[in-house]
Structures are given as structure tokens and as C-alpha cells.
Amino acid sequence: MSITPPRDEASVAVRQRLYVDAKRAAVWGLGVNFLLVLSKLTGGIATGSAALVADAVNSIGDVASSMAVRGALSMAQVEEDADHPYGHTKAESIAGLSVSLLVAFSAGLLALETIKRFGNELEVPGVTAGVIAGICAVIKEVIYRYTMRVAKRLNSSSLTAVAWDHRSDAIGSGLVAVSLTAAPYVGDWGRYIDPIAALCVCAALICTGGKIFFSTAGELMDQQADGGTVQQVREIAEAVGGVQAVEKLRVRKSGLEYFIEIHVQVDGLMTVDAGHRIAHHVKDQLLVSLPRVRDVHVHIEPFTCSTEFAAK
């Protein structure tokens, strides 16, 4: 039984605000990454630092991923149509998956290029490269904290992916900064520090990309929502007058929003009309109480029959 009560205006406003905040975080990341590409690439070429150039190429990937996430968030807001009766909310999840693959793939290519450099004459980059990397690390950590705060509040897989990309960049740039600053003072080993630091950055990025991939893939496969959300839905439904129990409950996350399928048990002797009204109240209450719920499918089960069968 699927019933569509009118949306509460406050709930609609909350949903719209979710996307506004998410898109703002994506735009901030896009702007910061663009500036970092210019500074890292210029510094890497000027100082001859492979690690800094590797970090710059990674930031180019960050620019592309931020643009993809920003576009996906706009697509996710498009309402359902004849070809997409469930809306376009999974565009946000697809963007998160794409970012994870981009992060891991670009890191793998950079690792291969860095390994090839060991066969050539290696030079020790200047201290300037370390200073540039250090500044970039601080900037990346700041944008990571901002993006992750928004991602947790919205429970956004794509923003979480972007945030962890920022954190891996911050760690990588920090390692590069320390390594390149120390390189001139460790003798012959100094020339190996730069490529080794680049490989460490690549390894961290591959691990991060894999973690994000499996997390987002579960969401795209309609994995059950987190336990806290499921329990909250159950409690709201059970509090509706006339609901004897919740028999079955499925809650799946789709982008920033949720879809609910719920079987509620009512008195088996009541009329169809009365049961229909209870189902209407369950859905209405869930949509009003949980603004991030996009749609609810309610099925009515007779409570008296179920208890008799259970007793047998």
C-alpha cells in the first residue's frame, strides 16, 4: 500500500538545505584544489621534486572529482520522472564510487612512474619544496575538517569520499614536507627520500580509495541503513495509534535520502478503510518526523492472525 500525503513545508525545506550545504562543501573543495594544483605543480617543477609533482597530479584528480560530486548533487535533486520513478538520488552515491576509483587509479599510475625514476639519476630537491608541501598540508587538513563535518551531518557518501581524499592529501603533503626538509641533511640517502615519500603517498591513496569504494558499493546495492536510523523508524511507526507491531522493516539509503518499506500489524478484525487510515498515518508521521525520507511504502498485516499462527 503506497500512499502519498502532502509534504510538510518544513520537511521540504530541510531536504533542500541538505543539498545546498553539500554543494557548498563541494565548491569549496573545488576552489581549494585548483589553487593547490597551481602551487604544487609550479613548486615541483621549479625544485625538481617528484613527490611534489605527484601531489600536484593527485590534486588535478581532486579537481575533477569535486566537479563530478557537484554535478551529481544537482542531478540527485531532480524529482522522479517516468524513466526514474524513484528519483535520481543515487547519482550522489555514483559520484562517491567514481571518486574512489579515480583516487586509487591515479595513485597507481603515479606509483609506477615514481618507481621508474629509481633507474635514473636522483637529485635532492631544495628545502623550498618541503615548505610548499607543508603549507599545502595545513590547507588540506583545514578543508578536510570542514568537508568531513558537513559529510557526517548529511551522511553523504560522496562528500565522505572527498573528505578522506583531502585527509590523505594532507597526510601525504605532510610526509613530503618532512622528507624534503630533512633530505639535504642525511647524506647520500637524501636523494632516495623524495621518491620514497611519493610512493608512500600513492600507497595511502590506494588504501583510501579501496575503503571508500566498498563503503559506497554497499549503498548502491541497497544495503540496510545503519542500526540507529532503522530503530528510529521502527519507534516512530510503533508509536502511531492502531499499530500493534512492526513485522518487517527495510530502510535503504539513496544518496542523501532514504526509502522505507514497512509492514505494520493492526487488528485483523478492523475494516479495510480503518487499516488504510492507519497506514496513511504511519507514512505521514515518518515523512514529517524524518525529513530525509523521500518515500515510504506501507503494507498492512493482521495482528490477530499472526499471533495465532505464532502460538501454533
Protein backbone atom coordinates (compact mmCIF):
# COMPACT_ATOMS: atom_id res chain seq x y z
CA MET A 1 0.00 0.00 0.00
CA SER A 2 1.65 3.21 -1.10
CA ILE A 3 0.06 6.46 -0.02
CA THR A 4 1.38 9.93 -0.73
CA PRO A 5 0.39 12.55 1.84
CA PRO A 6 1.31 16.17 1.23
CA ARG A 7 4.83 17.03 2.26
CA ASP A 8 5.29 19.26 5.27
CA GLU A 9 6.87 22.53 4.08
CA ALA A 10 9.47 22.38 6.84
CA SER A 11 10.50 18.88 5.73
CA VAL A 12 10.89 20.01 2.14
CA ALA A 13 13.00 22.96 3.29
CA VAL A 14 15.25 20.63 5.29
CA ARG A 15 15.79 18.40 2.25
CA GLN A 16 16.66 21.38 0.09
CA ARG A 17 19.05 22.65 2.74
CA LEU A 18 20.86 19.30 2.72
CA TYR A 19 21.77 19.72 -0.91
CA VAL A 20 22.69 23.39 -0.51
CA ASP A 21 25.17 22.55 2.26
CA ALA A 22 26.56 19.57 0.36
CA LYS A 23 27.09 21.58 -2.84
CA ARG A 24 28.74 24.41 -0.90
CA ALA A 25 31.25 21.96 0.59
CA ALA A 26 31.96 20.53 -2.88
CA VAL A 27 32.53 24.01 -4.34
CA TRP A 28 34.92 24.95 -1.53
CA GLY A 29 36.88 21.77 -2.20
CA LEU A 30 36.96 22.54 -5.91
CA GLY A 31 38.36 26.04 -5.38
CA VAL A 32 41.00 24.96 -2.87
CA ASN A 33 42.15 22.04 -5.02
CA PHE A 34 42.51 24.28 -8.06
CA LEU A 35 44.79 26.65 -6.16
CA LEU A 36 46.82 23.74 -4.78
CA VAL A 37 47.35 22.29 -8.26
CA LEU A 38 48.94 25.55 -9.38
CA SER A 39 51.15 25.91 -6.31
CA LYS A 40 52.30 22.26 -6.16
CA LEU A 41 52.95 21.93 -9.88
CA THR A 42 54.87 25.20 -10.03
CA GLY A 43 56.88 24.32 -6.93
CA GLY A 44 57.55 20.75 -8.08
CA ILE A 45 58.84 21.81 -11.50
CA ALA A 46 60.92 24.64 -10.06
CA THR A 47 62.57 22.47 -7.38
CA GLY A 48 62.67 19.18 -9.31
CA SER A 49 60.64 17.33 -6.65
CA ALA A 50 58.91 14.19 -7.93
CA ALA A 51 56.91 13.90 -4.71
CA LEU A 52 55.55 17.43 -5.09
CA VAL A 53 54.68 16.86 -8.75
CA ALA A 54 52.95 13.59 -7.75
CA ASP A 55 50.98 15.52 -5.15
CA ALA A 56 50.04 18.09 -7.81
CA VAL A 57 48.77 15.42 -10.21
CA ASN A 58 46.71 13.98 -7.39
CA SER A 59 45.20 17.42 -6.82
CA ILE A 60 44.24 17.54 -10.50
CA GLY A 61 42.24 14.38 -9.85
CA ASP A 62 40.72 16.11 -6.82
CA VAL A 63 39.54 18.97 -9.03
CA ALA A 64 37.86 16.51 -11.39
CA SER A 65 36.24 14.59 -8.51
CA SER A 66 34.95 17.79 -6.88
CA MET A 67 33.36 18.81 -10.17
CA ALA A 68 31.78 15.35 -10.51
CA VAL A 69 30.37 15.47 -6.99
CA ARG A 70 29.00 18.97 -7.51
CA GLY A 71 27.23 17.87 -10.69
CA ALA A 72 25.94 14.67 -9.09
CA LEU A 73 24.41 16.59 -6.19
CA SER A 74 22.49 18.75 -8.64
CA MET A 75 21.32 15.65 -10.52
CA ALA A 76 20.25 13.98 -7.26
CA GLN A 77 17.82 16.83 -6.59
CA VAL A 78 15.89 16.20 -9.82
CA GLU A 79 12.45 14.81 -9.00
CA GLU A 80 11.23 11.43 -10.23
CA ASP A 81 10.03 11.04 -13.81
CA ALA A 82 8.60 8.27 -16.00
CA ASP A 83 12.01 6.66 -16.52
CA HIS A 84 13.19 7.17 -12.91
CA PRO A 85 10.19 6.58 -10.62
CA TYR A 86 12.50 6.53 -7.56
CA GLY A 87 14.13 9.82 -8.46
CA HIS A 88 17.82 10.46 -9.15
CA THR A 89 19.22 10.35 -5.61
CA LYS A 90 21.73 7.59 -6.38
CA ALA A 91 23.67 10.00 -8.59
CA GLU A 92 25.32 11.15 -5.35
CA SER A 93 26.39 7.60 -4.49
CA ILE A 94 27.68 7.00 -8.01
CA ALA A 95 29.82 10.12 -7.69
CA GLY A 96 31.29 8.79 -4.44
CA LEU A 97 32.13 5.48 -6.13
CA SER A 98 33.70 7.29 -9.08
CA VAL A 99 35.85 9.41 -6.79
CA SER A 100 37.14 6.31 -5.01
CA LEU A 101 38.12 4.66 -8.29
CA LEU A 102 39.76 7.84 -9.56
CA VAL A 103 41.78 8.20 -6.36
CA ALA A 104 43.05 4.60 -6.47
CA PHE A 105 43.73 4.56 -10.22
CA SER A 106 45.63 7.86 -10.31
CA ALA A 107 47.69 6.77 -7.30
CA GLY A 108 48.62 3.51 -9.04
CA LEU A 109 49.82 5.35 -12.14
CA LEU A 110 51.85 7.77 -10.05
CA ALA A 111 53.45 4.87 -8.18
CA LEU A 112 54.54 3.24 -11.45
CA GLU A 113 56.03 6.49 -12.73
CA THR A 114 57.88 7.02 -9.45
CA ILE A 115 59.33 3.50 -9.48
CA LYS A 116 60.71 4.14 -12.98
CA ARG A 117 62.68 7.11 -11.59
CA PHE A 118 64.84 4.81 -9.48
CA GLY A 119 66.64 3.76 -12.65
CA ASN A 120 67.67 7.35 -13.36
CA GLU A 121 69.97 9.78 -11.62
CA LEU A 122 68.21 11.03 -8.50
CA GLU A 123 68.65 14.52 -7.11
CA VAL A 124 67.88 16.05 -3.75
CA PRO A 125 65.13 18.72 -4.09
CA GLY A 126 65.60 22.04 -2.39
CA VAL A 127 64.13 22.90 1.01
CA THR A 128 61.62 25.17 -0.79
CA ALA A 129 59.74 22.09 -1.98
CA GLY A 130 59.30 20.99 1.63
CA VAL A 131 57.97 24.40 2.65
CA ILE A 132 55.41 24.39 -0.19
CA ALA A 133 54.31 20.88 0.74
CA GLY A 134 53.95 21.90 4.40
CA ILE A 135 51.70 24.84 3.56
CA CYS A 136 49.59 22.62 1.29
CA ALA A 137 49.27 20.04 4.09
CA VAL A 138 47.87 22.63 6.50
CA ILE A 139 45.38 23.92 3.91
CA LYS A 140 44.27 20.37 3.07
CA GLU A 141 43.74 19.49 6.74
CA VAL A 142 41.53 22.54 7.20
CA ILE A 143 39.37 21.73 4.17
CA TYR A 144 39.21 18.07 5.30
CA ARG A 145 37.80 19.04 8.70
CA TYR A 146 35.20 21.30 7.12
CA THR A 147 34.12 18.77 4.48
CA MET A 148 34.00 15.85 6.92
CA ARG A 149 31.89 17.86 9.36
CA VAL A 150 29.35 18.51 6.59
CA ALA A 151 29.57 14.90 5.34
CA LYS A 152 28.81 13.46 8.80
CA ARG A 153 25.91 15.82 9.35
CA LEU A 154 24.39 14.92 5.97
CA ASN A 155 25.57 11.28 5.96
CA SER A 156 26.83 11.86 2.41
CA SER A 157 28.91 9.11 0.82
CA SER A 158 30.29 11.36 -1.92
CA LEU A 159 31.34 14.11 0.49
CA THR A 160 32.85 11.49 2.81
CA ALA A 161 34.88 10.23 -0.14
CA VAL A 162 36.02 13.75 -0.98
CA ALA A 163 36.81 14.48 2.68
CA TRP A 164 39.01 11.39 3.03
CA ASP A 165 40.71 12.36 -0.19
CA HIS A 166 41.50 15.71 1.44
CA ARG A 167 42.83 13.94 4.56
CA SER A 168 45.03 11.57 2.55
CA ASP A 169 46.38 14.58 0.67
CA ALA A 170 47.09 16.36 3.95
CA ILE A 171 48.98 13.35 5.30
CA GLY A 172 50.80 12.87 2.03
CA SER A 173 51.82 16.52 1.77
CA GLY A 174 52.90 16.44 5.42
CA LEU A 175 55.14 13.42 4.78
CA VAL A 176 56.55 15.08 1.69
CA ALA A 177 57.23 18.26 3.68
CA VAL A 178 59.10 16.43 6.44
CA SER A 179 61.01 14.24 3.99
CA LEU A 180 62.09 17.01 1.66
CA THR A 181 63.08 19.29 4.52
CA ALA A 182 65.28 16.55 6.01
CA ALA A 183 66.68 15.24 2.70
CA PRO A 184 69.64 17.67 2.39
CA TYR A 185 70.90 16.65 5.85
CA VAL A 186 71.05 12.84 5.58
CA GLY A 187 73.86 12.42 3.11
CA ASP A 188 73.61 10.07 0.12
CA TRP A 189 70.30 8.68 1.35
CA GLY A 190 68.73 12.09 0.82
CA ARG A 191 68.22 11.51 -2.89
CA TYR A 192 66.00 8.48 -2.17
CA ILE A 193 63.73 10.25 0.27
CA ASP A 194 61.76 12.15 -2.37
CA PRO A 195 60.67 9.13 -4.48
CA ILE A 196 60.06 7.02 -1.37
CA ALA A 197 57.82 9.76 0.02
CA ALA A 198 55.95 9.81 -3.30
CA LEU A 199 55.38 6.04 -3.08
CA CYS A 200 54.09 6.39 0.49
CA VAL A 201 51.58 8.98 -0.73
CA CYS A 202 50.44 6.64 -3.51
CA ALA A 203 50.04 3.69 -1.12
CA ALA A 204 47.92 5.77 1.26
CA LEU A 205 45.72 6.94 -1.61
CA ILE A 206 45.14 3.39 -2.89
CA CYS A 207 44.07 2.24 0.59
CA THR A 208 41.74 5.21 0.97
CA GLY A 209 40.19 4.64 -2.46
CA GLY A 210 39.54 0.98 -1.66
CA LYS A 211 37.90 1.80 1.66
CA ILE A 212 35.57 4.35 0.08
CA PHE A 213 34.78 2.01 -2.82
CA PHE A 214 33.48 -0.82 -0.62
CA SER A 215 31.52 1.57 1.58
CA THR A 216 29.76 3.24 -1.36
CA ALA A 217 29.24 -0.04 -3.23
CA GLY A 218 27.21 -1.31 -0.28
CA GLU A 219 24.95 1.72 -0.55
CA LEU A 220 24.43 1.20 -4.28
CA MET A 221 23.48 -2.43 -3.58
CA ASP A 222 20.64 -1.23 -1.31
CA GLN A 223 22.33 -2.29 1.91
CA GLN A 224 20.18 -1.87 5.03
CA ALA A 225 20.63 1.57 6.62
CA ASP A 226 22.54 1.96 9.87
CA GLY A 227 21.02 0.48 13.01
CA GLY A 228 20.26 3.85 14.59
CA THR A 229 18.18 5.02 11.64
CA VAL A 230 16.31 1.70 11.40
CA GLN A 231 15.48 1.77 15.11
CA GLN A 232 14.27 5.36 14.87
CA VAL A 233 11.92 4.43 12.01
CA ARG A 234 10.60 1.46 13.99
CA GLU A 235 9.89 3.55 17.10
CA ILE A 236 8.06 6.24 15.12
CA ALA A 237 5.86 3.65 13.38
CA GLU A 238 5.08 1.74 16.59
CA ALA A 239 4.00 4.98 18.28
CA VAL A 240 1.19 5.55 15.74
CA GLY A 241 -2.25 4.73 17.15
CA GLY A 242 -3.62 1.38 15.97
CA VAL A 243 -0.21 -0.13 15.14
CA GLN A 244 0.22 -3.33 17.17
CA ALA A 245 3.75 -4.14 15.95
CA VAL A 246 6.20 -3.71 13.09
CA GLU A 247 6.60 -7.05 11.32
CA LYS A 248 9.14 -6.20 8.62
CA LEU A 249 11.23 -3.09 8.03
CA ARG A 250 13.61 -2.22 5.21
CA VAL A 251 15.38 1.13 5.10
CA ARG A 252 17.78 1.84 2.25
CA LYS A 253 19.92 4.90 1.81
CA SER A 254 19.92 6.53 -1.61
CA GLY A 255 22.30 9.46 -1.80
CA LEU A 256 21.36 11.91 0.93
CA GLU A 257 17.85 10.47 1.34
CA TYR A 258 16.12 7.27 2.45
CA PHE A 259 13.41 4.95 1.13
CA ILE A 260 11.38 2.87 3.59
CA GLU A 261 9.40 -0.34 3.13
CA ILE A 262 7.49 -1.27 6.28
CA HIS A 263 4.94 -3.94 7.24
CA VAL A 264 2.83 -2.90 10.24
CA GLN A 265 0.43 -5.17 12.10
CA VAL A 266 -3.06 -3.95 13.03
CA ASP A 267 -6.17 -5.54 14.47
CA GLY A 268 -7.19 -8.21 11.98
CA LEU A 269 -10.90 -7.58 12.57
CA MET A 270 -10.90 -3.90 11.63
CA THR A 271 -12.21 -2.69 8.27
CA VAL A 272 -10.02 -2.12 5.25
CA ASP A 273 -10.81 1.58 5.47
CA ALA A 274 -9.61 1.74 9.09
CA GLY A 275 -6.41 -0.12 8.23
CA HIS A 276 -5.85 2.22 5.29
CA ARG A 277 -6.09 5.25 7.59
CA ILE A 278 -3.54 3.76 9.98
CA ALA A 279 -1.14 3.12 7.08
CA HIS A 280 -1.69 6.72 5.98
CA HIS A 281 -0.82 7.97 9.48
CA VAL A 282 2.32 5.81 9.63
CA LYS A 283 3.64 7.18 6.37
CA ASP A 284 2.64 10.74 7.20
CA GLN A 285 4.38 10.56 10.58
CA LEU A 286 7.57 9.13 9.11
CA LEU A 287 7.76 11.78 6.39
CA VAL A 288 7.20 14.61 8.88
CA SER A 289 9.49 13.25 11.61
CA LEU A 290 12.32 12.27 9.23
CA PRO A 291 12.71 14.97 6.55
CA ARG A 292 15.42 12.94 4.78
CA VAL A 293 12.95 10.16 3.99
CA ARG A 294 11.90 10.54 0.36
CA ASP A 295 9.18 7.89 0.22
CA VAL A 296 7.52 5.22 2.39
CA HIS A 297 5.76 2.04 1.24
CA VAL A 298 3.39 0.72 3.93
CA HIS A 299 1.92 -2.79 3.98
CA ILE A 300 -0.79 -3.82 6.47
CA GLU A 301 -0.73 -7.23 8.19
CA PRO A 302 -3.45 -8.64 10.51
CA PHE A 303 -2.09 -8.83 14.05
CA THR A 304 -4.61 -11.36 15.33
CA CYS A 305 -3.82 -13.89 12.61
CA SER A 306 -0.08 -13.57 13.07
CA THR A 307 -0.31 -14.12 16.83
CA GLU A 308 -2.49 -17.19 16.34
CA PHE A 309 -0.02 -18.70 13.88
CA ALA A 310 2.85 -17.87 16.20
CA ALA A 311 1.09 -19.67 19.04
CA LYS A 312 0.74 -22.79 16.89
